[in-house]
Amino acid sequence: MKRKHLSAVFFLTVFLAGCDEGNGGRRNEPPPLPLFFQLSATASAAGDNLTVECALGFTVEIAGEVSRTSEVVEYIATMGGDARRILLRPDGSGVDLWADAHYPRLQVLHLLPNRVQFVSLDFPPDSPPSGSRFWDELRFFDGFIDANGVIEGEWLCAPLDIEQGGINDDTVFAEGIWQTTEIVRR
């Protein structure tokens, strides 16, 4: 009888140890999204006798959670700030294009455990082109969140498809990185 009891205890111990994820029995939770943060981006490239530099400075505020499954948490947010594209000739002359941008309805998808997407609901990625590849690229951001809550991804600063100051902005694409920084409210 004692031997059967010890065998059952041993089996149960081995079984439960196999279920422990090495975290004291707690499940590994995905990193929480910050609710208020800055999204900053830079990109640069050269081509067609031009140097191109781009920058984004957006503030994102998550208003709340919309839905949750075991794979995706959906939030609604707003985003706004400025977008910039500078085109310079070798002699230093050029054009500096700067604009305000506002996303009143931004869908934030946390694809568990660590992928995050920002999708404009006002100008969805699958809607007809706006006439500017630059603005079309800013409809969707795809990145990954780390254990510290920092979200980072790649972006493409596409041409504005305009002619300004004798410069035709229709060929040079600049690849870059975007990253978030949490804004702590006091």
C-alpha atoms as a PDB file:
ATOM      1  CA  MET A   1       0.000   0.000   0.000  1.00  0.00           C
ATOM      2  CA  LYS A   2       2.781   2.409   0.903  1.00  0.00           C
ATOM      3  CA  ARG A   3       4.534   1.689  -2.411  1.00  0.00           C
ATOM      4  CA  LYS A   4       1.377   2.566  -4.424  1.00  0.00           C
ATOM      5  CA  HIS A   5       1.063   5.819  -2.509  1.00  0.00           C
ATOM      6  CA  LEU A   6       4.693   6.782  -3.225  1.00  0.00           C
ATOM      7  CA  SER A   7       4.260   5.898  -6.910  1.00  0.00           C
ATOM      8  CA  ALA A   8       1.178   8.107  -7.143  1.00  0.00           C
ATOM      9  CA  VAL A   9       2.976  10.998  -5.428  1.00  0.00           C
ATOM     10  CA  PHE A  10       5.994  10.587  -7.730  1.00  0.00           C
ATOM     11  CA  PHE A  11       3.773  10.495 -10.850  1.00  0.00           C
ATOM     12  CA  LEU A  12       1.825  13.555  -9.722  1.00  0.00           C
ATOM     13  CA  THR A  13       5.049  15.468  -8.951  1.00  0.00           C
ATOM     14  CA  VAL A  14       6.551  14.668 -12.363  1.00  0.00           C
ATOM     15  CA  PHE A  15       3.268  15.537 -14.096  1.00  0.00           C
ATOM     16  CA  LEU A  16       2.921  18.890 -12.338  1.00  0.00           C
ATOM     17  CA  ALA A  17       6.606  19.736 -12.872  1.00  0.00           C
ATOM     18  CA  GLY A  18       6.069  19.226 -16.597  1.00  0.00           C
ATOM     19  CA  CYS A  19       3.243  21.770 -16.476  1.00  0.00           C
ATOM     20  CA  ASP A  20       5.329  24.416 -14.718  1.00  0.00           C
ATOM     21  CA  GLU A  21       6.666  26.918 -17.220  1.00  0.00           C
ATOM     22  CA  GLY A  22       9.563  27.812 -14.955  1.00  0.00           C
ATOM     23  CA  ASN A  23       7.753  30.889 -13.726  1.00  0.00           C
ATOM     24  CA  GLY A  24       6.473  29.616 -10.395  1.00  0.00           C
ATOM     25  CA  GLY A  25       3.394  28.156 -12.086  1.00  0.00           C
ATOM     26  CA  ARG A  26       2.380  31.535 -13.576  1.00  0.00           C
ATOM     27  CA  ARG A  27       1.847  31.847 -17.303  1.00  0.00           C
ATOM     28  CA  ASN A  28       4.188  34.134 -19.236  1.00  0.00           C
ATOM     29  CA  GLU A  29       2.092  37.218 -19.867  1.00  0.00           C
ATOM     30  CA  PRO A  30       2.789  39.283 -22.977  1.00  0.00           C
ATOM     31  CA  PRO A  31       4.283  42.709 -22.301  1.00  0.00           C
ATOM     32  CA  PRO A  32       1.538  45.268 -21.666  1.00  0.00           C
ATOM     33  CA  LEU A  33       1.083  48.040 -24.186  1.00  0.00           C
ATOM     34  CA  PRO A  34       1.734  51.557 -22.980  1.00  0.00           C
ATOM     35  CA  LEU A  35      -1.459  53.646 -23.199  1.00  0.00           C
ATOM     36  CA  PHE A  36       0.207  56.962 -24.053  1.00  0.00           C
ATOM     37  CA  PHE A  37       3.426  57.128 -26.081  1.00  0.00           C
ATOM     38  CA  GLN A  38       5.515  58.899 -28.695  1.00  0.00           C
ATOM     39  CA  LEU A  39       6.170  57.158 -32.028  1.00  0.00           C
ATOM     40  CA  SER A  40       9.373  58.530 -33.561  1.00  0.00           C
ATOM     41  CA  ALA A  41      10.870  57.508 -36.882  1.00  0.00           C
ATOM     42  CA  THR A  42      13.766  58.386 -39.133  1.00  0.00           C
ATOM     43  CA  ALA A  43      14.818  57.225 -42.592  1.00  0.00           C
ATOM     44  CA  SER A  44      17.395  58.351 -45.140  1.00  0.00           C
ATOM     45  CA  ALA A  45      18.585  57.437 -48.609  1.00  0.00           C
ATOM     46  CA  ALA A  46      20.361  58.855 -51.644  1.00  0.00           C
ATOM     47  CA  GLY A  47      19.573  58.480 -55.331  1.00  0.00           C
ATOM     48  CA  ASP A  48      18.758  60.402 -58.504  1.00  0.00           C
ATOM     49  CA  ASN A  49      21.193  63.125 -57.435  1.00  0.00           C
ATOM     50  CA  LEU A  50      19.205  63.728 -54.221  1.00  0.00           C
ATOM     51  CA  THR A  51      19.688  63.023 -50.533  1.00  0.00           C
ATOM     52  CA  VAL A  52      16.406  62.213 -48.783  1.00  0.00           C
ATOM     53  CA  GLU A  53      15.806  62.424 -45.040  1.00  0.00           C
ATOM     54  CA  CYS A  54      12.482  61.637 -43.410  1.00  0.00           C
ATOM     55  CA  ALA A  55      11.133  61.905 -39.895  1.00  0.00           C
ATOM     56  CA  LEU A  56       7.897  61.226 -38.032  1.00  0.00           C
ATOM     57  CA  GLY A  57       6.898  62.507 -34.616  1.00  0.00           C
ATOM     58  CA  PHE A  58       3.500  61.134 -33.580  1.00  0.00           C
ATOM     59  CA  THR A  59       1.776  60.944 -30.212  1.00  0.00           C
ATOM     60  CA  VAL A  60      -0.488  57.934 -29.680  1.00  0.00           C
ATOM     61  CA  GLU A  61      -3.172  57.663 -26.999  1.00  0.00           C
ATOM     62  CA  ILE A  62      -4.966  54.355 -26.551  1.00  0.00           C
ATOM     63  CA  ALA A  63      -8.538  55.058 -25.441  1.00  0.00           C
ATOM     64  CA  GLY A  64      -9.494  51.510 -24.534  1.00  0.00           C
ATOM     65  CA  GLU A  65      -9.740  47.849 -25.328  1.00  0.00           C
ATOM     66  CA  VAL A  66     -12.299  46.815 -27.954  1.00  0.00           C
ATOM     67  CA  SER A  67     -11.958  43.033 -27.973  1.00  0.00           C
ATOM     68  CA  ARG A  68      -9.755  40.201 -26.723  1.00  0.00           C
ATOM     69  CA  THR A  69      -9.109  36.640 -27.813  1.00  0.00           C
ATOM     70  CA  SER A  70      -6.306  34.243 -26.923  1.00  0.00           C
ATOM     71  CA  GLU A  71      -4.414  35.503 -30.005  1.00  0.00           C
ATOM     72  CA  VAL A  72      -5.265  39.211 -30.437  1.00  0.00           C
ATOM     73  CA  VAL A  73      -6.127  42.178 -28.241  1.00  0.00           C
ATOM     74  CA  GLU A  74      -7.721  45.055 -30.165  1.00  0.00           C
ATOM     75  CA  TYR A  75      -7.597  48.664 -28.961  1.00  0.00           C
ATOM     76  CA  ILE A  76      -8.926  51.946 -30.342  1.00  0.00           C
ATOM     77  CA  ALA A  77      -6.665  54.986 -30.266  1.00  0.00           C
ATOM     78  CA  THR A  78      -5.895  58.385 -31.733  1.00  0.00           C
ATOM     79  CA  MET A  79      -2.588  59.461 -33.235  1.00  0.00           C
ATOM     80  CA  GLY A  80      -1.278  62.786 -34.420  1.00  0.00           C
ATOM     81  CA  GLY A  81       1.876  64.733 -35.001  1.00  0.00           C
ATOM     82  CA  ASP A  82       4.111  65.692 -37.865  1.00  0.00           C
ATOM     83  CA  ALA A  83       5.652  64.037 -40.897  1.00  0.00           C
ATOM     84  CA  ARG A  84       8.663  65.411 -42.737  1.00  0.00           C
ATOM     85  CA  ARG A  85      10.518  64.661 -45.981  1.00  0.00           C
ATOM     86  CA  ILE A  86      13.626  66.657 -46.929  1.00  0.00           C
ATOM     87  CA  LEU A  87      15.103  66.500 -50.446  1.00  0.00           C
ATOM     88  CA  LEU A  88      18.551  68.000 -50.979  1.00  0.00           C
ATOM     89  CA  ARG A  89      20.683  68.407 -54.103  1.00  0.00           C
ATOM     90  CA  PRO A  90      24.470  67.927 -53.860  1.00  0.00           C
ATOM     91  CA  ASP A  91      24.925  71.721 -53.532  1.00  0.00           C
ATOM     92  CA  GLY A  92      22.709  71.751 -50.396  1.00  0.00           C
ATOM     93  CA  SER A  93      19.689  73.384 -52.030  1.00  0.00           C
ATOM     94  CA  GLY A  94      16.390  71.576 -51.888  1.00  0.00           C
ATOM     95  CA  VAL A  95      12.953  71.293 -50.396  1.00  0.00           C
ATOM     96  CA  ASP A  96      11.794  70.619 -46.852  1.00  0.00           C
ATOM     97  CA  LEU A  97       8.228  69.282 -46.837  1.00  0.00           C
ATOM     98  CA  TRP A  98       6.554  69.177 -43.441  1.00  0.00           C
ATOM     99  CA  ALA A  99       2.915  68.411 -42.608  1.00  0.00           C
ATOM    100  CA  ASP A 100       0.649  67.762 -39.661  1.00  0.00           C
ATOM    101  CA  ALA A 101      -0.969  64.346 -39.596  1.00  0.00           C
ATOM    102  CA  HIS A 102      -3.994  63.238 -37.599  1.00  0.00           C
ATOM    103  CA  TYR A 103      -5.473  59.765 -37.189  1.00  0.00           C
ATOM    104  CA  PRO A 104      -8.744  60.201 -35.261  1.00  0.00           C
ATOM    105  CA  ARG A 105      -9.532  56.464 -35.431  1.00  0.00           C
ATOM    106  CA  LEU A 106      -6.495  54.228 -35.095  1.00  0.00           C
ATOM    107  CA  GLN A 107      -6.854  50.499 -34.563  1.00  0.00           C
ATOM    108  CA  VAL A 108      -4.070  49.007 -32.440  1.00  0.00           C
ATOM    109  CA  LEU A 109      -3.732  45.235 -32.688  1.00  0.00           C
ATOM    110  CA  HIS A 110      -1.589  43.352 -30.165  1.00  0.00           C
ATOM    111  CA  LEU A 111      -0.990  40.020 -31.891  1.00  0.00           C
ATOM    112  CA  LEU A 112       0.106  37.956 -28.932  1.00  0.00           C
ATOM    113  CA  PRO A 113       2.652  37.575 -27.655  1.00  0.00           C
ATOM    114  CA  ASN A 114       4.781  40.430 -29.080  1.00  0.00           C
ATOM    115  CA  ARG A 115       3.637  41.768 -32.448  1.00  0.00           C
ATOM    116  CA  VAL A 116       1.838  45.131 -32.628  1.00  0.00           C
ATOM    117  CA  GLN A 117       0.137  46.800 -35.601  1.00  0.00           C
ATOM    118  CA  PHE A 118      -1.266  50.316 -35.983  1.00  0.00           C
ATOM    119  CA  VAL A 119      -3.970  50.547 -38.658  1.00  0.00           C
ATOM    120  CA  SER A 120      -5.654  53.760 -39.783  1.00  0.00           C
ATOM    121  CA  LEU A 121      -9.424  53.230 -39.851  1.00  0.00           C
ATOM    122  CA  ASP A 122      -9.969  56.592 -41.569  1.00  0.00           C
ATOM    123  CA  PHE A 123      -7.607  55.741 -44.427  1.00  0.00           C
ATOM    124  CA  PRO A 124      -7.376  51.918 -44.342  1.00  0.00           C
ATOM    125  CA  PRO A 125      -4.349  50.256 -45.979  1.00  0.00           C
ATOM    126  CA  ASP A 126      -6.603  48.520 -48.509  1.00  0.00           C
ATOM    127  CA  SER A 127      -8.465  51.688 -49.578  1.00  0.00           C
ATOM    128  CA  PRO A 128      -7.742  53.351 -52.936  1.00  0.00           C
ATOM    129  CA  PRO A 129      -4.382  55.147 -53.182  1.00  0.00           C
ATOM    130  CA  SER A 130      -4.346  58.727 -51.931  1.00  0.00           C
ATOM    131  CA  GLY A 131      -2.264  59.980 -54.859  1.00  0.00           C
ATOM    132  CA  SER A 132       0.855  60.110 -52.679  1.00  0.00           C
ATOM    133  CA  ARG A 133       2.839  56.981 -51.909  1.00  0.00           C
ATOM    134  CA  PHE A 134       4.274  58.837 -48.900  1.00  0.00           C
ATOM    135  CA  TRP A 135       0.865  59.110 -47.207  1.00  0.00           C
ATOM    136  CA  ASP A 136      -0.189  55.636 -48.355  1.00  0.00           C
ATOM    137  CA  GLU A 137       2.787  54.137 -46.462  1.00  0.00           C
ATOM    138  CA  LEU A 138       1.677  55.900 -43.260  1.00  0.00           C
ATOM    139  CA  ARG A 139      -1.654  54.035 -43.111  1.00  0.00           C
ATOM    140  CA  PHE A 140      -0.121  50.953 -41.452  1.00  0.00           C
ATOM    141  CA  PHE A 141       2.737  50.312 -39.009  1.00  0.00           C
ATOM    142  CA  ASP A 142       3.902  46.811 -38.069  1.00  0.00           C
ATOM    143  CA  GLY A 143       6.325  46.158 -35.218  1.00  0.00           C
ATOM    144  CA  PHE A 144       7.287  44.149 -32.164  1.00  0.00           C
ATOM    145  CA  ILE A 145       7.060  44.991 -28.464  1.00  0.00           C
ATOM    146  CA  ASP A 146       9.876  44.087 -26.091  1.00  0.00           C
ATOM    147  CA  ALA A 147       9.741  43.221 -22.380  1.00  0.00           C
ATOM    148  CA  ASN A 148      10.100  46.940 -21.500  1.00  0.00           C
ATOM    149  CA  GLY A 149       7.014  47.931 -23.502  1.00  0.00           C
ATOM    150  CA  VAL A 150       8.990  49.537 -26.353  1.00  0.00           C
ATOM    151  CA  ILE A 151       7.496  48.891 -29.780  1.00  0.00           C
ATOM    152  CA  GLU A 152       9.802  49.019 -32.800  1.00  0.00           C
ATOM    153  CA  GLY A 153       9.414  48.371 -36.499  1.00  0.00           C
ATOM    154  CA  GLU A 154      10.586  49.245 -39.981  1.00  0.00           C
ATOM    155  CA  TRP A 155       8.960  51.810 -42.245  1.00  0.00           C
ATOM    156  CA  LEU A 156       9.296  53.048 -45.787  1.00  0.00           C
ATOM    157  CA  CYS A 157       9.439  56.769 -46.483  1.00  0.00           C
ATOM    158  CA  ALA A 158       8.034  56.815 -49.984  1.00  0.00           C
ATOM    159  CA  PRO A 159       8.022  59.730 -52.463  1.00  0.00           C
ATOM    160  CA  LEU A 160       5.319  62.374 -52.118  1.00  0.00           C
ATOM    161  CA  ASP A 161       4.762  62.172 -55.901  1.00  0.00           C
ATOM    162  CA  ILE A 162       4.897  65.940 -56.338  1.00  0.00           C
ATOM    163  CA  GLU A 163       7.118  68.496 -58.033  1.00  0.00           C
ATOM    164  CA  GLN A 164       8.253  71.265 -55.716  1.00  0.00           C
ATOM    165  CA  GLY A 165      10.996  73.851 -56.097  1.00  0.00           C
ATOM    166  CA  GLY A 166      12.239  72.275 -59.307  1.00  0.00           C
ATOM    167  CA  ILE A 167      12.599  68.868 -57.617  1.00  0.00           C
ATOM    168  CA  ASN A 168      10.450  66.001 -58.783  1.00  0.00           C
ATOM    169  CA  ASP A 169       9.864  63.757 -55.734  1.00  0.00           C
ATOM    170  CA  ASP A 170       8.875  60.511 -57.389  1.00  0.00           C
ATOM    171  CA  THR A 171      11.779  58.045 -57.263  1.00  0.00           C
ATOM    172  CA  VAL A 172      13.785  57.889 -54.009  1.00  0.00           C
ATOM    173  CA  PHE A 173      12.548  55.568 -51.239  1.00  0.00           C
ATOM    174  CA  ALA A 174      14.153  55.716 -47.785  1.00  0.00           C
ATOM    175  CA  GLU A 175      14.009  52.782 -45.403  1.00  0.00           C
ATOM    176  CA  GLY A 176      14.064  53.454 -41.692  1.00  0.00           C
ATOM    177  CA  ILE A 177      13.113  52.437 -38.177  1.00  0.00           C
ATOM    178  CA  TRP A 178      10.311  53.638 -35.901  1.00  0.00           C
ATOM    179  CA  GLN A 179      10.222  53.222 -32.144  1.00  0.00           C
ATOM    180  CA  THR A 180       7.912  54.158 -29.287  1.00  0.00           C
ATOM    181  CA  THR A 181       8.695  55.869 -26.010  1.00  0.00           C
ATOM    182  CA  GLU A 182       6.099  55.792 -23.243  1.00  0.00           C
ATOM    183  CA  ILE A 183       4.880  59.170 -22.041  1.00  0.00           C
ATOM    184  CA  VAL A 184       4.308  59.097 -18.293  1.00  0.00           C
ATOM    185  CA  ARG A 185       1.521  61.382 -17.132  1.00  0.00           C
ATOM    186  CA  ARG A 186       2.001  63.202 -13.895  1.00  0.00           C
END
